[in-house]
């Protein structure tokens, strides 16, 4: 399809977005340790996106500029102490919040036996990187299950069997679709808790422990999600996405309880995108199985294009179980790299959003009255999601040309991508029904309990 002159102008502006280095900085008392992000070279001069930790725990991010000839550690440590540091021994607000969560939960215990499910399709190189990080987890009791989704070669099977042997279990799922692959992993899982991540992440060594320990201290917890940060910001697409928030949900631990809905979220629980993302989520196995798993007519690889993770979040919440978000459970995600990738992603996000809502109402018709009561505010929310968000760029007072504290919107979101997201929203219900019809009896037999 021919692009308009305005779209061409947006693309040219997009191509002018510069790369940003990725690093992490641990503020531990008077000491500070700076190291590059996973797979990144040592930090030099220029723009740097920094994850700030305190004693290993993520507490925030910042954007720093290191002047040529300056010591990166000195510059970034000073900036981190200014924005996230504890002058005069002040405890960070994020850690105070975590303390309150711990107090409500009671004494912590060892994390439960966990199965980690990684669905993949013909991406052996990325999968190797992900599996290596998963095998380095400090969790005391877990297994890894790789689900090879609709493979066309033996590359993934050969990799798992040759390099990982008995340390990783291989399962083949011939039917395409992320939700179907996740259901296959759920069926094969032996753990009390089942964690899901993607083949394009690098997991922090404490990811699995942080993600699953809440299940040991809260018997009413059905789902947990964690923090997702960019592994690289080398291309304009990666920087643009992260400057509008990326996949991160902040640095404050939050528990969502259907018996005590958050007052500042009138659309709860239908704003499932606020709870987390599929690259970093875990469920109590019996709870996820009890709601029928994920709807196989949702997710990447189906006409619905996405929404499988959101479907899982809402199904668990509407069954009365709590969902907990913890920033301590960190994975580094390799974002899409090109303008074409962003176009596909924008349409897919829009489609997945309305596809999952359609799936919820098809599978749980009793939720229709609650959903209809939220439609007016939901339409306003949808308009906000797809707004051009032109709140940065060349305007006076801009904070710079790269992501900082998340959702700083230092680059305007292109109108082309907003339009594609809206088109995706209109398409989503159609895509879901097409996927459901294609799956036939297989679909109607799963995800409907």
Protein backbone atom coordinates (compact mmCIF):
# COMPACT_ATOMS: atom_id res chain seq x y z
CA UNK A 1 0.00 0.00 0.00
CA UNK A 2 1.36 3.40 -0.98
CA UNK A 3 2.40 5.59 1.91
CA UNK A 4 1.13 9.13 2.21
CA UNK A 5 3.45 12.13 2.23
CA UNK A 6 2.79 12.56 5.96
CA UNK A 7 3.74 8.95 6.63
CA UNK A 8 6.93 9.38 4.62
CA UNK A 9 7.72 12.45 6.70
CA UNK A 10 7.10 10.50 9.90
CA UNK A 11 9.39 7.72 8.73
CA UNK A 12 12.17 10.19 7.93
CA UNK A 13 11.86 11.71 11.38
CA UNK A 14 11.79 8.22 12.87
CA UNK A 15 15.01 7.30 11.06
CA UNK A 16 16.73 10.24 12.73
CA UNK A 17 16.33 8.73 16.22
CA UNK A 18 19.77 7.83 17.54
CA UNK A 19 20.91 4.70 19.36
CA UNK A 20 21.14 4.60 23.14
CA UNK A 21 23.40 2.48 25.30
CA UNK A 22 21.86 0.19 27.93
CA UNK A 23 23.43 -0.30 31.34
CA UNK A 24 22.63 -1.13 34.95
CA UNK A 25 23.96 0.56 38.05
CA UNK A 26 23.77 -0.86 41.56
CA UNK A 27 23.81 1.71 44.38
CA UNK A 28 24.92 -0.27 47.41
CA UNK A 29 25.82 2.02 50.30
CA UNK A 30 28.79 4.16 49.35
CA UNK A 31 29.72 1.79 46.56
CA UNK A 32 28.29 1.80 43.04
CA UNK A 33 28.79 -0.79 40.32
CA UNK A 34 28.16 0.05 36.66
CA UNK A 35 27.95 -2.67 34.05
CA UNK A 36 26.55 -2.88 30.52
CA UNK A 37 23.16 -4.41 29.87
CA UNK A 38 22.95 -8.04 28.69
CA UNK A 39 24.85 -8.40 25.43
CA UNK A 40 25.88 -4.74 25.35
CA UNK A 41 29.45 -3.41 25.07
CA UNK A 42 31.07 -1.40 27.89
CA UNK A 43 29.52 2.02 28.44
CA UNK A 44 31.23 4.98 26.75
CA UNK A 45 30.25 8.61 26.14
CA UNK A 46 26.80 9.48 24.83
CA UNK A 47 23.22 8.69 25.84
CA UNK A 48 22.74 5.82 28.30
CA UNK A 49 19.53 4.17 29.49
CA UNK A 50 20.24 2.94 33.01
CA UNK A 51 18.45 0.50 35.27
CA UNK A 52 19.14 1.64 38.82
CA UNK A 53 19.32 -1.05 41.48
CA UNK A 54 19.80 -0.90 45.22
CA UNK A 55 21.44 -3.99 46.71
CA UNK A 56 20.45 -5.81 43.53
CA UNK A 57 16.80 -4.78 43.55
CA UNK A 58 15.48 -2.65 40.63
CA UNK A 59 14.26 0.74 41.88
CA UNK A 60 13.99 2.86 38.72
CA UNK A 61 15.45 3.91 35.40
CA UNK A 62 17.03 7.08 34.12
CA UNK A 63 18.49 8.60 30.98
CA UNK A 64 21.99 9.98 31.34
CA UNK A 65 24.44 11.64 28.99
CA UNK A 66 28.11 10.92 29.50
CA UNK A 67 30.35 13.71 28.12
CA UNK A 68 33.24 12.65 25.92
CA UNK A 69 36.30 11.98 28.06
CA UNK A 70 34.31 11.65 31.30
CA UNK A 71 34.15 8.52 33.44
CA UNK A 72 30.75 6.86 32.80
CA UNK A 73 30.53 5.34 36.29
CA UNK A 74 31.15 8.68 38.01
CA UNK A 75 28.67 10.61 35.85
CA UNK A 76 25.89 8.05 36.02
CA UNK A 77 26.34 7.33 39.73
CA UNK A 78 25.93 11.02 40.53
CA UNK A 79 22.80 11.21 38.40
CA UNK A 80 21.40 8.01 39.92
CA UNK A 81 21.94 9.27 43.46
CA UNK A 82 20.20 12.51 42.52
CA UNK A 83 17.13 10.78 41.02
CA UNK A 84 16.99 7.49 42.93
CA UNK A 85 19.68 7.67 45.58
CA UNK A 86 19.30 7.99 49.29
CA UNK A 87 20.99 11.09 50.48
CA UNK A 88 21.18 11.08 54.30
CA UNK A 89 20.08 7.45 54.40
CA UNK A 90 16.54 7.94 53.09
CA UNK A 91 14.86 4.68 52.10
CA UNK A 92 13.51 4.70 48.52
CA UNK A 93 9.74 4.84 48.15
CA UNK A 94 9.83 1.71 46.00
CA UNK A 95 11.46 -0.30 48.77
CA UNK A 96 9.09 1.06 51.37
CA UNK A 97 6.28 -0.17 49.17
CA UNK A 98 7.86 -3.61 48.94
CA UNK A 99 8.16 -3.69 52.69
CA UNK A 100 4.46 -3.04 53.10
CA UNK A 101 3.67 -5.82 50.65
CA UNK A 102 5.90 -8.19 52.64
CA UNK A 103 4.17 -7.20 55.86
CA UNK A 104 0.74 -7.93 54.38
CA UNK A 105 1.91 -11.26 53.00
CA UNK A 106 3.50 -12.48 56.22
CA UNK A 107 6.75 -14.42 56.49
CA UNK A 108 8.30 -15.45 53.22
CA UNK A 109 8.97 -19.06 52.37
CA UNK A 110 10.91 -20.95 49.70
CA UNK A 111 9.55 -20.55 46.18
CA UNK A 112 7.35 -23.42 44.98
CA UNK A 113 8.35 -26.06 42.48
CA UNK A 114 8.03 -24.26 39.14
CA UNK A 115 7.86 -25.15 35.46
CA UNK A 116 9.16 -22.52 33.03
CA UNK A 117 7.48 -22.75 29.61
CA UNK A 118 9.16 -21.17 26.58
CA UNK A 119 7.21 -21.30 23.33
CA UNK A 120 9.34 -20.85 20.22
CA UNK A 121 9.26 -21.19 16.46
CA UNK A 122 12.36 -21.35 14.26
CA UNK A 123 14.48 -18.97 16.36
CA UNK A 124 17.20 -21.23 17.69
CA UNK A 125 19.75 -18.42 18.04
CA UNK A 126 17.52 -16.34 20.28
CA UNK A 127 16.33 -19.41 22.15
CA UNK A 128 19.92 -20.30 23.08
CA UNK A 129 20.40 -16.93 24.72
CA UNK A 130 17.13 -17.26 26.65
CA UNK A 131 17.78 -20.83 27.82
CA UNK A 132 21.27 -19.99 29.00
CA UNK A 133 19.83 -17.24 31.21
CA UNK A 134 17.08 -19.53 32.52
CA UNK A 135 19.54 -22.25 33.47
CA UNK A 136 21.45 -19.64 35.51
CA UNK A 137 18.44 -18.91 37.78
CA UNK A 138 18.95 -19.06 41.54
CA UNK A 139 15.53 -20.69 42.07
CA UNK A 140 16.07 -23.95 44.01
CA UNK A 141 13.47 -26.15 42.30
CA UNK A 142 12.43 -25.68 38.67
CA UNK A 143 12.25 -27.30 35.27
CA UNK A 144 12.32 -25.82 31.75
CA UNK A 145 9.91 -26.93 29.02
CA UNK A 146 10.48 -25.74 25.44
CA UNK A 147 7.39 -25.93 23.22
CA UNK A 148 8.33 -26.02 19.54
CA UNK A 149 5.29 -24.47 17.86
CA UNK A 150 4.42 -25.65 14.35
CA UNK A 151 8.06 -26.25 13.39
CA UNK A 152 9.11 -26.47 9.75
CA UNK A 153 12.63 -27.71 10.54
CA UNK A 154 14.30 -29.82 13.25
CA UNK A 155 16.55 -26.93 14.31
CA UNK A 156 14.93 -26.35 17.70
CA UNK A 157 14.70 -30.03 18.58
CA UNK A 158 18.33 -30.56 17.59
CA UNK A 159 19.46 -27.58 19.66
CA UNK A 160 17.65 -28.71 22.81
CA UNK A 161 18.78 -32.32 22.51
CA UNK A 162 22.38 -31.50 21.52
CA UNK A 163 23.18 -28.62 23.90
CA UNK A 164 20.81 -28.98 26.82
CA UNK A 165 20.00 -32.67 27.06
CA UNK A 166 18.11 -33.59 30.22
CA UNK A 167 18.28 -30.03 31.59
CA UNK A 168 15.51 -28.91 29.21
CA UNK A 169 12.44 -30.85 28.12
CA UNK A 170 11.37 -30.62 24.48
CA UNK A 171 7.71 -30.77 23.44
CA UNK A 172 6.39 -30.35 19.90
CA UNK A 173 3.02 -28.66 19.27
CA UNK A 174 2.10 -28.96 15.56
CA UNK A 175 -0.84 -26.50 15.68
CA UNK A 176 0.28 -22.90 15.19
CA UNK A 177 -0.62 -20.29 17.80
CA UNK A 178 0.97 -18.98 20.96
CA UNK A 179 -1.99 -19.80 23.20
CA UNK A 180 -2.07 -23.37 21.89
CA UNK A 181 1.67 -23.69 22.53
CA UNK A 182 1.24 -22.34 26.06
CA UNK A 183 -1.60 -24.78 26.72
CA UNK A 184 0.65 -27.61 25.56
CA UNK A 185 3.34 -26.40 27.94
CA UNK A 186 0.79 -26.17 30.74
CA UNK A 187 -0.30 -29.76 30.11
CA UNK A 188 3.32 -30.96 30.21
CA UNK A 189 4.30 -28.91 33.28
CA UNK A 190 5.01 -30.71 36.55
CA UNK A 191 5.34 -27.62 38.73
CA UNK A 192 2.92 -26.19 41.25
CA UNK A 193 3.48 -22.86 39.49
CA UNK A 194 3.92 -22.43 35.74
CA UNK A 195 5.94 -19.45 34.52
CA UNK A 196 5.91 -18.27 30.92
CA UNK A 197 8.49 -16.25 29.06
CA UNK A 198 9.56 -15.71 25.45
CA UNK A 199 12.52 -16.84 23.41
CA UNK A 200 13.68 -13.23 22.90
CA UNK A 201 14.44 -12.40 26.54
CA UNK A 202 17.39 -12.63 28.89
CA UNK A 203 16.20 -13.39 32.43
CA UNK A 204 17.83 -11.75 35.43
CA UNK A 205 19.33 -14.44 37.71
CA UNK A 206 16.71 -13.77 40.42
CA UNK A 207 13.79 -13.52 37.97
CA UNK A 208 12.15 -16.84 38.74
CA UNK A 209 12.61 -16.64 42.51
CA UNK A 210 11.14 -13.13 42.65
CA UNK A 211 8.26 -14.06 40.35
CA UNK A 212 7.19 -17.23 42.15
CA UNK A 213 7.89 -16.62 45.86
CA UNK A 214 4.62 -14.63 46.26
CA UNK A 215 2.71 -17.86 45.55
CA UNK A 216 4.28 -19.42 48.65
CA UNK A 217 3.06 -16.64 50.95
CA UNK A 218 -0.39 -15.90 49.46
CA UNK A 219 -2.65 -18.92 48.90
CA UNK A 220 -5.19 -16.68 47.13
CA UNK A 221 -2.70 -15.61 44.47
CA UNK A 222 -3.52 -16.90 41.00
CA UNK A 223 -1.08 -14.96 38.84
CA UNK A 224 2.13 -12.95 39.09
CA UNK A 225 3.84 -10.68 36.58
CA UNK A 226 7.17 -8.88 36.49
CA UNK A 227 9.28 -6.10 35.01
CA UNK A 228 10.31 -6.04 31.34
CA UNK A 229 13.13 -3.72 30.21
CA UNK A 230 14.90 -3.32 26.85
CA UNK A 231 17.97 -5.47 26.25
CA UNK A 232 19.05 -3.14 23.43
CA UNK A 233 18.21 0.31 22.15
CA UNK A 234 20.20 0.19 18.95
CA UNK A 235 17.55 1.01 16.37
CA UNK A 236 15.01 3.83 16.03
CA UNK A 237 12.17 1.32 16.50
CA UNK A 238 13.55 0.10 19.82
CA UNK A 239 14.15 3.63 21.14
CA UNK A 240 10.72 4.88 20.02
CA UNK A 241 8.91 1.98 21.66
CA UNK A 242 10.76 2.38 24.95
CA UNK A 243 10.30 6.15 25.03
CA UNK A 244 6.55 5.45 25.16
CA UNK A 245 6.85 3.06 28.06
CA UNK A 246 7.82 -0.16 26.33
CA UNK A 247 6.54 -3.13 28.33
CA UNK A 248 7.46 -1.79 31.77
CA UNK A 249 4.76 -1.44 34.43
CA UNK A 250 6.75 0.61 36.90
CA UNK A 251 8.73 -0.06 40.06
CA UNK A 252 6.01 -0.26 42.69
CA UNK A 253 4.83 -3.75 43.71
CA UNK A 254 1.08 -3.94 43.25
CA UNK A 255 -1.51 -6.54 44.18
CA UNK A 256 -4.79 -6.57 42.25
CA UNK A 257 -7.62 -8.06 44.26
CA UNK A 258 -11.06 -8.55 42.66
CA UNK A 259 -12.62 -8.25 46.12
CA UNK A 260 -11.02 -4.81 46.55
CA UNK A 261 -10.84 -3.24 43.06
CA UNK A 262 -8.40 -0.34 42.62
CA UNK A 263 -10.28 2.93 42.84
CA UNK A 264 -8.15 4.60 40.18
CA UNK A 265 -8.97 1.94 37.56
CA UNK A 266 -12.70 2.13 36.82
CA UNK A 267 -12.34 -0.37 33.96
CA UNK A 268 -10.91 -3.08 36.21
CA UNK A 269 -10.44 -5.93 35.43
CA UNK A 270 -10.80 -5.28 31.69
CA UNK A 271 -7.67 -3.10 31.47
CA UNK A 272 -5.56 -6.23 31.57
CA UNK A 273 -2.65 -4.60 29.75
CA UNK A 274 -1.81 -2.77 32.99
CA UNK A 275 -1.19 -6.01 34.84
CA UNK A 276 1.80 -7.24 32.85
CA UNK A 277 2.79 -9.00 29.64
CA UNK A 278 3.16 -12.54 28.39
CA UNK A 279 6.96 -12.41 28.33
CA UNK A 280 6.99 -12.32 32.13
CA UNK A 281 4.08 -14.06 33.86
CA UNK A 282 3.36 -17.01 36.12
CA UNK A 283 0.19 -18.79 37.24
CA UNK A 284 -0.70 -21.24 39.95
CA UNK A 285 -1.04 -24.34 37.80
CA UNK A 286 -4.32 -25.57 39.27
CA UNK A 287 -5.88 -22.12 38.86
CA UNK A 288 -4.90 -21.74 35.20
CA UNK A 289 -6.04 -25.28 34.45
CA UNK A 290 -9.26 -24.58 36.33
CA UNK A 291 -10.19 -21.76 33.93
CA UNK A 292 -9.36 -23.92 30.91
CA UNK A 293 -5.94 -22.43 30.18
CA UNK A 294 -5.54 -19.86 27.44
CA UNK A 295 -8.10 -19.50 24.66
CA UNK A 296 -6.43 -21.15 21.63
CA UNK A 297 -8.19 -18.71 19.28
CA UNK A 298 -6.05 -15.88 20.70
CA UNK A 299 -2.37 -15.09 20.49
CA UNK A 300 0.36 -14.62 17.91
CA UNK A 301 0.18 -17.11 15.08
CA UNK A 302 -3.65 -16.93 14.88
CA UNK A 303 -5.94 -14.51 13.01
CA UNK A 304 -6.59 -12.84 16.39
CA UNK A 305 -2.92 -11.69 16.41
CA UNK A 306 -2.61 -11.49 20.21
CA UNK A 307 -4.43 -11.15 23.52
CA UNK A 308 -3.72 -14.60 24.97
CA UNK A 309 -1.89 -13.24 28.02
CA UNK A 310 -4.56 -10.62 28.72
CA UNK A 311 -7.22 -13.32 28.48
CA UNK A 312 -5.38 -15.35 31.11
CA UNK A 313 -5.08 -12.39 33.49
CA UNK A 314 -8.78 -11.52 33.34
CA UNK A 315 -9.99 -15.12 33.60
CA UNK A 316 -7.96 -15.61 36.78
CA UNK A 317 -9.14 -12.32 38.31
CA UNK A 318 -12.79 -12.93 37.47
CA UNK A 319 -12.56 -16.28 39.25
CA UNK A 320 -11.70 -14.40 42.44
CA UNK A 321 -7.92 -14.90 42.51
CA UNK A 322 -5.42 -12.14 43.12
CA UNK A 323 -2.71 -10.98 40.71
CA UNK A 324 0.60 -9.54 41.93
CA UNK A 325 3.05 -7.39 39.97
CA UNK A 326 6.62 -7.34 41.24
CA UNK A 327 9.43 -5.26 39.67
CA UNK A 328 11.99 -7.54 41.30
CA UNK A 329 11.19 -10.20 38.67
CA UNK A 330 13.12 -8.76 35.72
CA UNK A 331 13.62 -9.92 32.16
CA UNK A 332 15.44 -8.01 29.43
CA UNK A 333 13.49 -8.07 26.18
CA UNK A 334 14.83 -7.72 22.64
CA UNK A 335 12.37 -5.28 21.08
CA UNK A 336 11.41 -5.27 17.42
CA UNK A 337 14.02 -3.55 15.25
CA UNK A 338 12.41 -1.89 12.20
CA UNK A 339 9.61 0.44 11.14
CA UNK A 340 7.87 -2.51 9.46
CA UNK A 341 8.08 -4.39 12.76
CA UNK A 342 6.39 -1.47 14.54
CA UNK A 343 3.59 -1.39 11.97
CA UNK A 344 2.95 -5.09 12.48
CA UNK A 345 3.17 -4.69 16.25
CA UNK A 346 0.79 -1.71 16.37
CA UNK A 347 -1.90 -3.51 14.38
CA UNK A 348 -1.37 -6.70 16.39
CA UNK A 349 -1.68 -4.93 19.73
CA UNK A 350 -4.94 -3.31 18.69
CA UNK A 351 -6.29 -6.60 17.37
CA UNK A 352 -5.18 -8.54 20.44
CA UNK A 353 -6.88 -6.07 22.76
CA UNK A 354 -10.35 -6.44 21.29
CA UNK A 355 -9.82 -10.11 20.45
CA UNK A 356 -9.22 -10.97 24.09
CA UNK A 357 -12.28 -8.97 25.17
CA UNK A 358 -14.33 -10.89 22.61
CA UNK A 359 -12.91 -14.15 23.92
CA UNK A 360 -13.78 -13.24 27.50
CA UNK A 361 -17.40 -12.47 26.60
CA UNK A 362 -17.77 -15.57 24.41
CA UNK A 363 -16.38 -17.86 27.07
CA UNK A 364 -17.90 -16.06 30.08
CA UNK A 365 -21.22 -14.51 28.94
CA UNK A 366 -22.06 -13.75 32.58
CA UNK A 367 -19.47 -10.95 32.45
CA UNK A 368 -21.40 -9.09 29.74
CA UNK A 369 -23.34 -6.78 32.11
CA UNK A 370 -20.15 -5.74 33.92
CA UNK A 371 -18.45 -5.15 30.60
CA UNK A 372 -21.31 -3.07 29.17
CA UNK A 373 -21.32 -0.90 32.28
CA UNK A 374 -17.70 -0.02 31.53
CA UNK A 375 -18.12 0.63 27.77
CA UNK A 376 -18.38 4.46 27.93
CA UNK A 377 -15.17 4.79 29.92
CA UNK A 378 -13.66 1.99 27.87
CA UNK A 379 -14.13 3.96 24.65
CA UNK A 380 -12.37 6.93 26.22
CA UNK A 381 -9.57 4.65 27.35
CA UNK A 382 -9.24 3.22 23.82
CA UNK A 383 -8.98 6.71 22.34
CA UNK A 384 -6.19 7.45 24.78
CA UNK A 385 -4.33 4.27 23.85
CA UNK A 386 -4.36 5.15 20.15
CA UNK A 387 -3.71 8.88 20.43
CA UNK A 388 -0.85 10.30 18.42
CA UNK A 389 0.82 11.24 21.72
CA UNK A 390 2.74 14.11 20.17
CA UNK A 391 4.27 15.28 23.44
CA UNK A 392 7.92 15.55 22.72
CA UNK A 393 10.43 15.86 19.96
CA UNK A 394 11.37 19.43 19.17
CA UNK A 395 9.17 21.19 21.69
CA UNK A 396 10.82 23.49 24.25
CA UNK A 397 11.62 21.78 27.52
CA UNK A 398 12.10 18.30 26.05
CA UNK A 399 14.13 16.02 28.29
CA UNK A 400 16.13 14.65 25.38
CA UNK A 401 15.90 12.28 22.46
CA UNK A 402 15.80 8.93 24.24
CA UNK A 403 13.80 7.08 26.90
CA UNK A 404 14.20 8.03 30.53
CA UNK A 405 11.81 7.11 33.34
CA UNK A 406 9.42 5.25 31.01
CA UNK A 407 6.55 6.81 29.17
CA UNK A 408 8.46 10.09 28.95
CA UNK A 409 7.31 10.30 25.33
CA UNK A 410 10.36 12.15 24.15
CA UNK A 411 9.54 11.15 20.59
CA UNK A 412 6.07 11.74 19.12
CA UNK A 413 4.17 8.55 18.42
CA UNK A 414 3.58 8.47 14.63
CA UNK A 415 0.04 8.92 13.38
CA UNK A 416 0.55 5.97 11.08
CA UNK A 417 1.06 3.64 14.06
CA UNK A 418 -1.95 5.09 15.90
CA UNK A 419 -4.14 4.49 12.86
CA UNK A 420 -2.91 0.92 12.55
CA UNK A 421 -3.68 0.27 16.20
CA UNK A 422 -7.22 1.58 15.74
CA UNK A 423 -7.66 -0.60 12.65
CA UNK A 424 -6.43 -3.53 14.67
CA UNK A 425 -9.02 -2.82 17.36
CA UNK A 426 -11.78 -2.90 14.75
CA UNK A 427 -10.40 -6.12 13.29
CA UNK A 428 -9.81 -7.96 16.60
CA UNK A 429 -13.30 -9.44 17.12
CA UNK A 430 -13.39 -10.60 13.50
CA UNK A 431 -9.95 -12.13 13.81
CA UNK A 432 -10.92 -13.94 16.99
CA UNK A 433 -14.09 -15.39 15.45
CA UNK A 434 -12.14 -16.48 12.39
CA UNK A 435 -9.56 -18.19 14.57
CA UNK A 436 -12.27 -19.86 16.60
CA UNK A 437 -14.04 -21.09 13.49
CA UNK A 438 -10.77 -22.38 12.02
CA UNK A 439 -9.97 -24.27 15.19
CA UNK A 440 -13.45 -25.81 15.15
CA UNK A 441 -14.18 -28.35 17.78
CA UNK A 442 -10.66 -28.09 19.16
CA UNK A 443 -11.32 -24.47 20.18
CA UNK A 444 -14.76 -25.01 21.64
CA UNK A 445 -13.41 -27.81 23.77
CA UNK A 446 -10.76 -25.69 25.48
CA UNK A 447 -10.72 -22.40 27.30
CA UNK A 448 -14.47 -22.39 27.96
CA UNK A 449 -14.82 -23.74 31.46
